[in-house]
Amino acid sequence: MKKPNPHQGSRFADFLHTEGIYEEVEAAALKKVIAMTLSDKMRKRHLSVSKLAKALGTSRAAVNRVLDESNTSITLHTISRMASALGCRIRLEIASLG
């Protein structure tokens, strides 16, 4: 029989809630995944920021904001347009905690 781990503590999410930063950290993590995924799609399609901006009818700066992992203030519409230009679609799921 396995011994319980004496060093096991609370969940990391509990710590983040206690610190009052759970939503901020979760948003940053989600944005990082979105930015990395879109960047990967761009690489696979050999699309530069300039080419994608032109296809979207926007500026390189606007595309770079979407690809900026630290910029969490972008709209779902913007993400959806960029995904569509890359031949993808966005799936959003809201799941219960715990």
PDB file of N, CA and C in Angstrom:
ATOM      1  N   MET A   1       0.841  -1.174   0.000  1.00  0.00           N
ATOM      2  CA  MET A   1       0.000   0.000   0.000  1.00  0.00           C
ATOM      3  C   MET A   1       0.893   1.246   0.000  1.00  0.00           C
ATOM      4  N   LYS A   2       0.533   2.229  -0.821  1.00  0.00           N
ATOM      5  CA  LYS A   2       1.298   3.457  -0.926  1.00  0.00           C
ATOM      6  C   LYS A   2       1.068   4.358   0.276  1.00  0.00           C
ATOM      7  N   LYS A   3       2.146   4.983   0.728  1.00  0.00           N
ATOM      8  CA  LYS A   3       2.017   5.970   1.799  1.00  0.00           C
ATOM      9  C   LYS A   3       1.548   7.292   1.199  1.00  0.00           C
ATOM     10  N   PRO A   4       0.711   8.006   1.919  1.00  0.00           N
ATOM     11  CA  PRO A   4       0.306   9.320   1.419  1.00  0.00           C
ATOM     12  C   PRO A   4       1.504  10.280   1.433  1.00  0.00           C
ATOM     13  N   ASN A   5       1.531  11.176   0.494  1.00  0.00           N
ATOM     14  CA  ASN A   5       2.614  12.152   0.399  1.00  0.00           C
ATOM     15  C   ASN A   5       2.452  13.192   1.510  1.00  0.00           C
ATOM     16  N   PRO A   6       3.397  13.281   2.443  1.00  0.00           N
ATOM     17  CA  PRO A   6       3.270  14.244   3.534  1.00  0.00           C
ATOM     18  C   PRO A   6       3.476  15.685   3.077  1.00  0.00           C
ATOM     19  N   HIS A   7       3.990  15.867   1.874  1.00  0.00           N
ATOM     20  CA  HIS A   7       4.270  17.212   1.379  1.00  0.00           C
ATOM     21  C   HIS A   7       3.177  17.732   0.452  1.00  0.00           C
ATOM     22  N   GLN A   8       2.134  16.966   0.281  1.00  0.00           N
ATOM     23  CA  GLN A   8       1.060  17.364  -0.611  1.00  0.00           C
ATOM     24  C   GLN A   8       0.264  18.490   0.034  1.00  0.00           C
ATOM     25  N   GLY A   9       0.076  19.563  -0.723  1.00  0.00           N
ATOM     26  CA  GLY A   9      -0.643  20.720  -0.198  1.00  0.00           C
ATOM     27  C   GLY A   9      -1.941  20.938  -0.933  1.00  0.00           C
ATOM     28  N   SER A  10      -2.392  22.152  -0.883  1.00  0.00           N
ATOM     29  CA  SER A  10      -3.637  22.502  -1.550  1.00  0.00           C
ATOM     30  C   SER A  10      -3.409  22.630  -3.055  1.00  0.00           C
ATOM     31  N   ARG A  11      -4.488  22.769  -3.770  1.00  0.00           N
ATOM     32  CA  ARG A  11      -4.401  22.921  -5.218  1.00  0.00           C
ATOM     33  C   ARG A  11      -3.859  24.302  -5.577  1.00  0.00           C
ATOM     34  N   PHE A  12      -3.166  24.383  -6.707  1.00  0.00           N
ATOM     35  CA  PHE A  12      -2.616  25.654  -7.158  1.00  0.00           C
ATOM     36  C   PHE A  12      -3.732  26.658  -7.427  1.00  0.00           C
ATOM     37  N   ALA A  13      -4.835  26.168  -7.966  1.00  0.00           N
ATOM     38  CA  ALA A  13      -5.974  27.054  -8.237  1.00  0.00           C
ATOM     39  C   ALA A  13      -6.479  27.685  -6.943  1.00  0.00           C
ATOM     40  N   ASP A  14      -6.473  26.919  -5.845  1.00  0.00           N
ATOM     41  CA  ASP A  14      -6.891  27.481  -4.553  1.00  0.00           C
ATOM     42  C   ASP A  14      -5.973  28.614  -4.136  1.00  0.00           C
ATOM     43  N   PHE A  15      -4.673  28.432  -4.355  1.00  0.00           N
ATOM     44  CA  PHE A  15      -3.705  29.476  -4.035  1.00  0.00           C
ATOM     45  C   PHE A  15      -3.992  30.740  -4.852  1.00  0.00           C
ATOM     46  N   LEU A  16      -4.231  30.551  -6.163  1.00  0.00           N
ATOM     47  CA  LEU A  16      -4.505  31.702  -7.023  1.00  0.00           C
ATOM     48  C   LEU A  16      -5.776  32.428  -6.595  1.00  0.00           C
ATOM     49  N   HIS A  17      -6.799  31.684  -6.192  1.00  0.00           N
ATOM     50  CA  HIS A  17      -8.027  32.295  -5.690  1.00  0.00           C
ATOM     51  C   HIS A  17      -7.742  33.081  -4.419  1.00  0.00           C
ATOM     52  N   THR A  18      -6.973  32.489  -3.524  1.00  0.00           N
ATOM     53  CA  THR A  18      -6.631  33.152  -2.266  1.00  0.00           C
ATOM     54  C   THR A  18      -5.901  34.468  -2.525  1.00  0.00           C
ATOM     55  N   GLU A  19      -5.026  34.451  -3.500  1.00  0.00           N
ATOM     56  CA  GLU A  19      -4.264  35.655  -3.853  1.00  0.00           C
ATOM     57  C   GLU A  19      -5.098  36.652  -4.655  1.00  0.00           C
ATOM     58  N   GLY A  20      -6.272  36.225  -5.111  1.00  0.00           N
ATOM     59  CA  GLY A  20      -7.153  37.100  -5.882  1.00  0.00           C
ATOM     60  C   GLY A  20      -6.701  37.313  -7.314  1.00  0.00           C
ATOM     61  N   ILE A  21      -5.945  36.359  -7.867  1.00  0.00           N
ATOM     62  CA  ILE A  21      -5.413  36.516  -9.222  1.00  0.00           C
ATOM     63  C   ILE A  21      -5.795  35.367 -10.157  1.00  0.00           C
ATOM     64  N   TYR A  22      -6.728  34.544  -9.747  1.00  0.00           N
ATOM     65  CA  TYR A  22      -7.080  33.362 -10.545  1.00  0.00           C
ATOM     66  C   TYR A  22      -7.517  33.745 -11.962  1.00  0.00           C
ATOM     67  N   GLU A  23      -8.463  34.669 -12.083  1.00  0.00           N
ATOM     68  CA  GLU A  23      -8.993  35.035 -13.392  1.00  0.00           C
ATOM     69  C   GLU A  23      -7.914  35.652 -14.277  1.00  0.00           C
ATOM     70  N   GLU A  24      -7.061  36.478 -13.687  1.00  0.00           N
ATOM     71  CA  GLU A  24      -5.977  37.109 -14.441  1.00  0.00           C
ATOM     72  C   GLU A  24      -4.991  36.066 -14.976  1.00  0.00           C
ATOM     73  N   VAL A  25      -4.627  35.110 -14.140  1.00  0.00           N
ATOM     74  CA  VAL A  25      -3.688  34.066 -14.547  1.00  0.00           C
ATOM     75  C   VAL A  25      -4.327  33.157 -15.592  1.00  0.00           C
ATOM     76  N   GLU A  26      -5.583  32.833 -15.409  1.00  0.00           N
ATOM     77  CA  GLU A  26      -6.273  31.979 -16.380  1.00  0.00           C
ATOM     78  C   GLU A  26      -6.373  32.675 -17.742  1.00  0.00           C
ATOM     79  N   ALA A  27      -6.708  33.964 -17.744  1.00  0.00           N
ATOM     80  CA  ALA A  27      -6.801  34.717 -18.997  1.00  0.00           C
ATOM     81  C   ALA A  27      -5.448  34.760 -19.694  1.00  0.00           C
ATOM     82  N   ALA A  28      -4.382  34.965 -18.935  1.00  0.00           N
ATOM     83  CA  ALA A  28      -3.034  35.010 -19.519  1.00  0.00           C
ATOM     84  C   ALA A  28      -2.662  33.656 -20.120  1.00  0.00           C
ATOM     85  N   ALA A  29      -3.010  32.578 -19.428  1.00  0.00           N
ATOM     86  CA  ALA A  29      -2.703  31.235 -19.927  1.00  0.00           C
ATOM     87  C   ALA A  29      -3.498  30.938 -21.200  1.00  0.00           C
ATOM     88  N   LEU A  30      -4.762  31.305 -21.219  1.00  0.00           N
ATOM     89  CA  LEU A  30      -5.590  31.089 -22.412  1.00  0.00           C
ATOM     90  C   LEU A  30      -5.055  31.882 -23.592  1.00  0.00           C
ATOM     91  N   LYS A  31      -4.674  33.129 -23.360  1.00  0.00           N
ATOM     92  CA  LYS A  31      -4.150  33.969 -24.438  1.00  0.00           C
ATOM     93  C   LYS A  31      -2.848  33.390 -24.983  1.00  0.00           C
ATOM     94  N   LYS A  32      -2.027  32.860 -24.096  1.00  0.00           N
ATOM     95  CA  LYS A  32      -0.765  32.261 -24.539  1.00  0.00           C
ATOM     96  C   LYS A  32      -1.045  31.074 -25.464  1.00  0.00           C
ATOM     97  N   VAL A  33      -2.001  30.247 -25.112  1.00  0.00           N
ATOM     98  CA  VAL A  33      -2.363  29.097 -25.946  1.00  0.00           C
ATOM     99  C   VAL A  33      -2.904  29.566 -27.292  1.00  0.00           C
ATOM    100  N   ILE A  34      -3.756  30.582 -27.278  1.00  0.00           N
ATOM    101  CA  ILE A  34      -4.321  31.111 -28.527  1.00  0.00           C
ATOM    102  C   ILE A  34      -3.217  31.661 -29.411  1.00  0.00           C
ATOM    103  N   ALA A  35      -2.341  32.485 -28.838  1.00  0.00           N
ATOM    104  CA  ALA A  35      -1.255  33.091 -29.618  1.00  0.00           C
ATOM    105  C   ALA A  35      -0.322  32.025 -30.190  1.00  0.00           C
ATOM    106  N   MET A  36       0.024  31.046 -29.388  1.00  0.00           N
ATOM    107  CA  MET A  36       0.916  29.984 -29.852  1.00  0.00           C
ATOM    108  C   MET A  36       0.264  29.161 -30.957  1.00  0.00           C
ATOM    109  N   THR A  37      -1.008  28.866 -30.815  1.00  0.00           N
ATOM    110  CA  THR A  37      -1.722  28.070 -31.818  1.00  0.00           C
ATOM    111  C   THR A  37      -1.820  28.823 -33.137  1.00  0.00           C
ATOM    112  N   LEU A  38      -2.188  30.108 -33.076  1.00  0.00           N
ATOM    113  CA  LEU A  38      -2.290  30.894 -34.300  1.00  0.00           C
ATOM    114  C   LEU A  38      -0.926  31.063 -34.971  1.00  0.00           C
ATOM    115  N   SER A  39       0.123  31.277 -34.174  1.00  0.00           N
ATOM    116  CA  SER A  39       1.475  31.385 -34.723  1.00  0.00           C
ATOM    117  C   SER A  39       1.884  30.096 -35.425  1.00  0.00           C
ATOM    118  N   ASP A  40       1.534  28.980 -34.811  1.00  0.00           N
ATOM    119  CA  ASP A  40       1.845  27.677 -35.412  1.00  0.00           C
ATOM    120  C   ASP A  40       1.114  27.501 -36.737  1.00  0.00           C
ATOM    121  N   LYS A  41      -0.152  27.895 -36.783  1.00  0.00           N
ATOM    122  CA  LYS A  41      -0.924  27.800 -38.032  1.00  0.00           C
ATOM    123  C   LYS A  41      -0.300  28.682 -39.107  1.00  0.00           C
ATOM    124  N   MET A  42       0.169  29.870 -38.713  1.00  0.00           N
ATOM    125  CA  MET A  42       0.814  30.761 -39.673  1.00  0.00           C
ATOM    126  C   MET A  42       2.081  30.117 -40.237  1.00  0.00           C
ATOM    127  N   ARG A  43       2.882  29.534 -39.358  1.00  0.00           N
ATOM    128  CA  ARG A  43       4.120  28.869 -39.791  1.00  0.00           C
ATOM    129  C   ARG A  43       3.825  27.745 -40.768  1.00  0.00           C
ATOM    130  N   LYS A  44       2.830  26.921 -40.440  1.00  0.00           N
ATOM    131  CA  LYS A  44       2.499  25.782 -41.298  1.00  0.00           C
ATOM    132  C   LYS A  44       1.990  26.219 -42.664  1.00  0.00           C
ATOM    133  N   ARG A  45       1.382  27.395 -42.739  1.00  0.00           N
ATOM    134  CA  ARG A  45       0.864  27.900 -44.016  1.00  0.00           C
ATOM    135  C   ARG A  45       1.841  28.888 -44.675  1.00  0.00           C
ATOM    136  N   HIS A  46       3.022  29.031 -44.065  1.00  0.00           N
ATOM    137  CA  HIS A  46       4.059  29.931 -44.588  1.00  0.00           C
ATOM    138  C   HIS A  46       3.528  31.349 -44.785  1.00  0.00           C
ATOM    139  N   LEU A  47       2.776  31.829 -43.787  1.00  0.00           N
ATOM    140  CA  LEU A  47       2.213  33.176 -43.836  1.00  0.00           C
ATOM    141  C   LEU A  47       2.979  34.086 -42.886  1.00  0.00           C
ATOM    142  N   SER A  48       3.418  35.210 -43.388  1.00  0.00           N
ATOM    143  CA  SER A  48       4.060  36.206 -42.534  1.00  0.00           C
ATOM    144  C   SER A  48       2.979  37.078 -41.908  1.00  0.00           C
ATOM    145  N   VAL A  49       3.370  37.869 -40.936  1.00  0.00           N
ATOM    146  CA  VAL A  49       2.439  38.809 -40.308  1.00  0.00           C
ATOM    147  C   VAL A  49       1.906  39.768 -41.365  1.00  0.00           C
ATOM    148  N   SER A  50       2.781  40.227 -42.237  1.00  0.00           N
ATOM    149  CA  SER A  50       2.371  41.166 -43.301  1.00  0.00           C
ATOM    150  C   SER A  50       1.332  40.555 -44.237  1.00  0.00           C
ATOM    151  N   LYS A  51       1.579  39.315 -44.664  1.00  0.00           N
ATOM    152  CA  LYS A  51       0.628  38.649 -45.566  1.00  0.00           C
ATOM    153  C   LYS A  51      -0.716  38.424 -44.886  1.00  0.00           C
ATOM    154  N   LEU A  52      -0.684  38.008 -43.625  1.00  0.00           N
ATOM    155  CA  LEU A  52      -1.937  37.777 -42.914  1.00  0.00           C
ATOM    156  C   LEU A  52      -2.681  39.089 -42.703  1.00  0.00           C
ATOM    157  N   ALA A  53      -1.970  40.145 -42.357  1.00  0.00           N
ATOM    158  CA  ALA A  53      -2.597  41.455 -42.176  1.00  0.00           C
ATOM    159  C   ALA A  53      -3.278  41.907 -43.461  1.00  0.00           C
ATOM    160  N   LYS A  54      -2.602  41.698 -44.587  1.00  0.00           N
ATOM    161  CA  LYS A  54      -3.178  42.077 -45.874  1.00  0.00           C
ATOM    162  C   LYS A  54      -4.441  41.265 -46.163  1.00  0.00           C
ATOM    163  N   ALA A  55      -4.394  39.966 -45.884  1.00  0.00           N
ATOM    164  CA  ALA A  55      -5.574  39.105 -46.105  1.00  0.00           C
ATOM    165  C   ALA A  55      -6.744  39.526 -45.226  1.00  0.00           C
ATOM    166  N   LEU A  56      -6.440  40.029 -44.042  1.00  0.00           N
ATOM    167  CA  LEU A  56      -7.495  40.459 -43.120  1.00  0.00           C
ATOM    168  C   LEU A  56      -7.929  41.902 -43.357  1.00  0.00           C
ATOM    169  N   GLY A  57      -7.173  42.628 -44.161  1.00  0.00           N
ATOM    170  CA  GLY A  57      -7.480  44.035 -44.393  1.00  0.00           C
ATOM    171  C   GLY A  57      -7.200  44.875 -43.152  1.00  0.00           C
ATOM    172  N   THR A  58      -6.121  44.547 -42.456  1.00  0.00           N
ATOM    173  CA  THR A  58      -5.768  45.258 -41.235  1.00  0.00           C
ATOM    174  C   THR A  58      -4.269  45.532 -41.224  1.00  0.00           C
ATOM    175  N   SER A  59      -3.788  46.063 -40.135  1.00  0.00           N
ATOM    176  CA  SER A  59      -2.359  46.400 -40.036  1.00  0.00           C
ATOM    177  C   SER A  59      -1.559  45.257 -39.419  1.00  0.00           C
ATOM    178  N   ARG A  60      -0.241  45.303 -39.629  1.00  0.00           N
ATOM    179  CA  ARG A  60       0.640  44.334 -38.983  1.00  0.00           C
ATOM    180  C   ARG A  60       0.553  44.485 -37.466  1.00  0.00           C
ATOM    181  N   ALA A  61       0.408  45.717 -36.997  1.00  0.00           N
ATOM    182  CA  ALA A  61       0.319  45.958 -35.557  1.00  0.00           C
ATOM    183  C   ALA A  61      -0.892  45.240 -34.959  1.00  0.00           C
ATOM    184  N   ALA A  62      -2.008  45.238 -35.686  1.00  0.00           N
ATOM    185  CA  ALA A  62      -3.215  44.561 -35.194  1.00  0.00           C
ATOM    186  C   ALA A  62      -2.992  43.050 -35.106  1.00  0.00           C
ATOM    187  N   VAL A  63      -2.337  42.486 -36.102  1.00  0.00           N
ATOM    188  CA  VAL A  63      -2.035  41.046 -36.082  1.00  0.00           C
ATOM    189  C   VAL A  63      -1.070  40.749 -34.943  1.00  0.00           C
ATOM    190  N   ASN A  64      -0.067  41.594 -34.776  1.00  0.00           N
ATOM    191  CA  ASN A  64       0.898  41.384 -33.689  1.00  0.00           C
ATOM    192  C   ASN A  64       0.243  41.457 -32.313  1.00  0.00           C
ATOM    193  N   ARG A  65      -0.797  42.277 -32.162  1.00  0.00           N
ATOM    194  CA  ARG A  65      -1.516  42.326 -30.876  1.00  0.00           C
ATOM    195  C   ARG A  65      -2.177  40.983 -30.573  1.00  0.00           C
ATOM    196  N   VAL A  66      -2.722  40.350 -31.601  1.00  0.00           N
ATOM    197  CA  VAL A  66      -3.346  39.033 -31.401  1.00  0.00           C
ATOM    198  C   VAL A  66      -2.276  38.006 -31.051  1.00  0.00           C
ATOM    199  N   LEU A  67      -1.117  38.105 -31.672  1.00  0.00           N
ATOM    200  CA  LEU A  67      -0.041  37.147 -31.430  1.00  0.00           C
ATOM    201  C   LEU A  67       0.751  37.442 -30.162  1.00  0.00           C
ATOM    202  N   ASP A  68       0.526  38.604 -29.562  1.00  0.00           N
ATOM    203  CA  ASP A  68       1.218  38.990 -28.323  1.00  0.00           C
ATOM    204  C   ASP A  68       0.609  38.214 -27.162  1.00  0.00           C
ATOM    205  N   GLU A  69       1.391  37.305 -26.594  1.00  0.00           N
ATOM    206  CA  GLU A  69       0.898  36.439 -25.515  1.00  0.00           C
ATOM    207  C   GLU A  69       0.450  37.212 -24.288  1.00  0.00           C
ATOM    208  N   SER A  70       0.978  38.404 -24.084  1.00  0.00           N
ATOM    209  CA  SER A  70       0.647  39.163 -22.870  1.00  0.00           C
ATOM    210  C   SER A  70      -0.550  40.089 -23.053  1.00  0.00           C
ATOM    211  N   ASN A  71      -1.023  40.270 -24.267  1.00  0.00           N
ATOM    212  CA  ASN A  71      -2.155  41.160 -24.523  1.00  0.00           C
ATOM    213  C   ASN A  71      -3.455  40.364 -24.447  1.00  0.00           C
ATOM    214  N   THR A  72      -4.147  40.477 -23.327  1.00  0.00           N
ATOM    215  CA  THR A  72      -5.380  39.710 -23.144  1.00  0.00           C
ATOM    216  C   THR A  72      -6.629  40.491 -23.546  1.00  0.00           C
ATOM    217  N   SER A  73      -6.464  41.724 -24.008  1.00  0.00           N
ATOM    218  CA  SER A  73      -7.642  42.527 -24.342  1.00  0.00           C
ATOM    219  C   SER A  73      -7.902  42.549 -25.849  1.00  0.00           C
ATOM    220  N   ILE A  74      -8.147  41.375 -26.396  1.00  0.00           N
ATOM    221  CA  ILE A  74      -8.569  41.270 -27.788  1.00  0.00           C
ATOM    222  C   ILE A  74      -9.943  40.624 -27.801  1.00  0.00           C
ATOM    223  N   THR A  75     -10.688  40.885 -28.845  1.00  0.00           N
ATOM    224  CA  THR A  75     -12.062  40.393 -28.883  1.00  0.00           C
ATOM    225  C   THR A  75     -12.151  39.004 -29.512  1.00  0.00           C
ATOM    226  N   LEU A  76     -13.232  38.335 -29.215  1.00  0.00           N
ATOM    227  CA  LEU A  76     -13.493  37.040 -29.847  1.00  0.00           C
ATOM    228  C   LEU A  76     -13.642  37.213 -31.358  1.00  0.00           C
ATOM    229  N   HIS A  77     -14.218  38.315 -31.768  1.00  0.00           N
ATOM    230  CA  HIS A  77     -14.381  38.595 -33.195  1.00  0.00           C
ATOM    231  C   HIS A  77     -13.026  38.649 -33.889  1.00  0.00           C
ATOM    232  N   THR A  78     -12.077  39.323 -33.276  1.00  0.00           N
ATOM    233  CA  THR A  78     -10.728  39.430 -33.851  1.00  0.00           C
ATOM    234  C   THR A  78     -10.060  38.072 -33.941  1.00  0.00           C
ATOM    235  N   ILE A  79     -10.145  37.295 -32.880  1.00  0.00           N
ATOM    236  CA  ILE A  79      -9.551  35.949 -32.878  1.00  0.00           C
ATOM    237  C   ILE A  79     -10.224  35.080 -33.940  1.00  0.00           C
ATOM    238  N   SER A  80     -11.527  35.176 -34.024  1.00  0.00           N
ATOM    239  CA  SER A  80     -12.283  34.379 -34.985  1.00  0.00           C
ATOM    240  C   SER A  80     -11.918  34.747 -36.421  1.00  0.00           C
ATOM    241  N   ARG A  81     -11.785  36.033 -36.723  1.00  0.00           N
ATOM    242  CA  ARG A  81     -11.398  36.474 -38.070  1.00  0.00           C
ATOM    243  C   ARG A  81     -10.016  35.948 -38.432  1.00  0.00           C
ATOM    244  N   MET A  82      -9.101  36.015 -37.477  1.00  0.00           N
ATOM    245  CA  MET A  82      -7.743  35.559 -37.753  1.00  0.00           C
ATOM    246  C   MET A  82      -7.722  34.046 -37.965  1.00  0.00           C
ATOM    247  N   ALA A  83      -8.443  33.324 -37.130  1.00  0.00           N
ATOM    248  CA  ALA A  83      -8.511  31.871 -37.291  1.00  0.00           C
ATOM    249  C   ALA A  83      -9.107  31.514 -38.654  1.00  0.00           C
ATOM    250  N   SER A  84     -10.156  32.206 -39.031  1.00  0.00           N
ATOM    251  CA  SER A  84     -10.801  31.950 -40.313  1.00  0.00           C
ATOM    252  C   SER A  84      -9.838  32.194 -41.473  1.00  0.00           C
ATOM    253  N   ALA A  85      -9.053  33.256 -41.389  1.00  0.00           N
ATOM    254  CA  ALA A  85      -8.068  33.560 -42.429  1.00  0.00           C
ATOM    255  C   ALA A  85      -6.990  32.483 -42.508  1.00  0.00           C
ATOM    256  N   LEU A  86      -6.809  31.750 -41.418  1.00  0.00           N
ATOM    257  CA  LEU A  86      -5.826  30.660 -41.380  1.00  0.00           C
ATOM    258  C   LEU A  86      -6.466  29.304 -41.656  1.00  0.00           C
ATOM    259  N   GLY A  87      -7.738  29.309 -42.049  1.00  0.00           N
ATOM    260  CA  GLY A  87      -8.432  28.067 -42.378  1.00  0.00           C
ATOM    261  C   GLY A  87      -8.873  27.279 -41.163  1.00  0.00           C
ATOM    262  N   CYS A  88      -9.097  27.986 -40.061  1.00  0.00           N
ATOM    263  CA  CYS A  88      -9.495  27.341 -38.803  1.00  0.00           C
ATOM    264  C   CYS A  88     -10.774  27.979 -38.277  1.00  0.00           C
ATOM    265  N   ARG A  89     -11.280  27.415 -37.218  1.00  0.00           N
ATOM    266  CA  ARG A  89     -12.388  28.028 -36.505  1.00  0.00           C
ATOM    267  C   ARG A  89     -12.120  27.932 -35.007  1.00  0.00           C
ATOM    268  N   ILE A  90     -12.796  28.745 -34.255  1.00  0.00           N
ATOM    269  CA  ILE A  90     -12.636  28.780 -32.809  1.00  0.00           C
ATOM    270  C   ILE A  90     -13.736  27.952 -32.166  1.00  0.00           C
ATOM    271  N   ARG A  91     -13.344  27.129 -31.209  1.00  0.00           N
ATOM    272  CA  ARG A  91     -14.313  26.416 -30.373  1.00  0.00           C
ATOM    273  C   ARG A  91     -14.136  26.916 -28.960  1.00  0.00           C
ATOM    274  N   LEU A  92     -15.200  27.329 -28.328  1.00  0.00           N
ATOM    275  CA  LEU A  92     -15.159  27.871 -26.985  1.00  0.00           C
ATOM    276  C   LEU A  92     -16.016  27.006 -26.089  1.00  0.00           C
ATOM    277  N   GLU A  93     -15.477  26.637 -24.955  1.00  0.00           N
ATOM    278  CA  GLU A  93     -16.220  25.807 -24.013  1.00  0.00           C
ATOM    279  C   GLU A  93     -16.155  26.451 -22.635  1.00  0.00           C
ATOM    280  N   ILE A  94     -17.291  26.519 -21.990  1.00  0.00           N
ATOM    281  CA  ILE A  94     -17.334  27.003 -20.612  1.00  0.00           C
ATOM    282  C   ILE A  94     -17.638  25.777 -19.749  1.00  0.00           C
ATOM    283  N   ALA A  95     -16.682  25.444 -18.884  1.00  0.00           N
ATOM    284  CA  ALA A  95     -16.783  24.234 -18.083  1.00  0.00           C
ATOM    285  C   ALA A  95     -16.967  24.588 -16.605  1.00  0.00           C
ATOM    286  N   SER A  96     -17.620  23.726 -15.890  1.00  0.00           N
ATOM    287  CA  SER A  96     -17.801  23.911 -14.454  1.00  0.00           C
ATOM    288  C   SER A  96     -16.460  23.743 -13.748  1.00  0.00           C
ATOM    289  N   LEU A  97     -16.277  24.484 -12.658  1.00  0.00           N
ATOM    290  CA  LEU A  97     -15.077  24.342 -11.847  1.00  0.00           C
ATOM    291  C   LEU A  97     -15.162  23.073 -11.021  1.00  0.00           C
ATOM    292  N   GLY A  98     -14.005  22.502 -10.798  1.00  0.00           N
ATOM    293  CA  GLY A  98     -13.951  21.345  -9.923  1.00  0.00           C
ATOM    294  C   GLY A  98     -14.217  20.108 -10.616  1.00  0.00           C
TER     295      GLY A  98
END
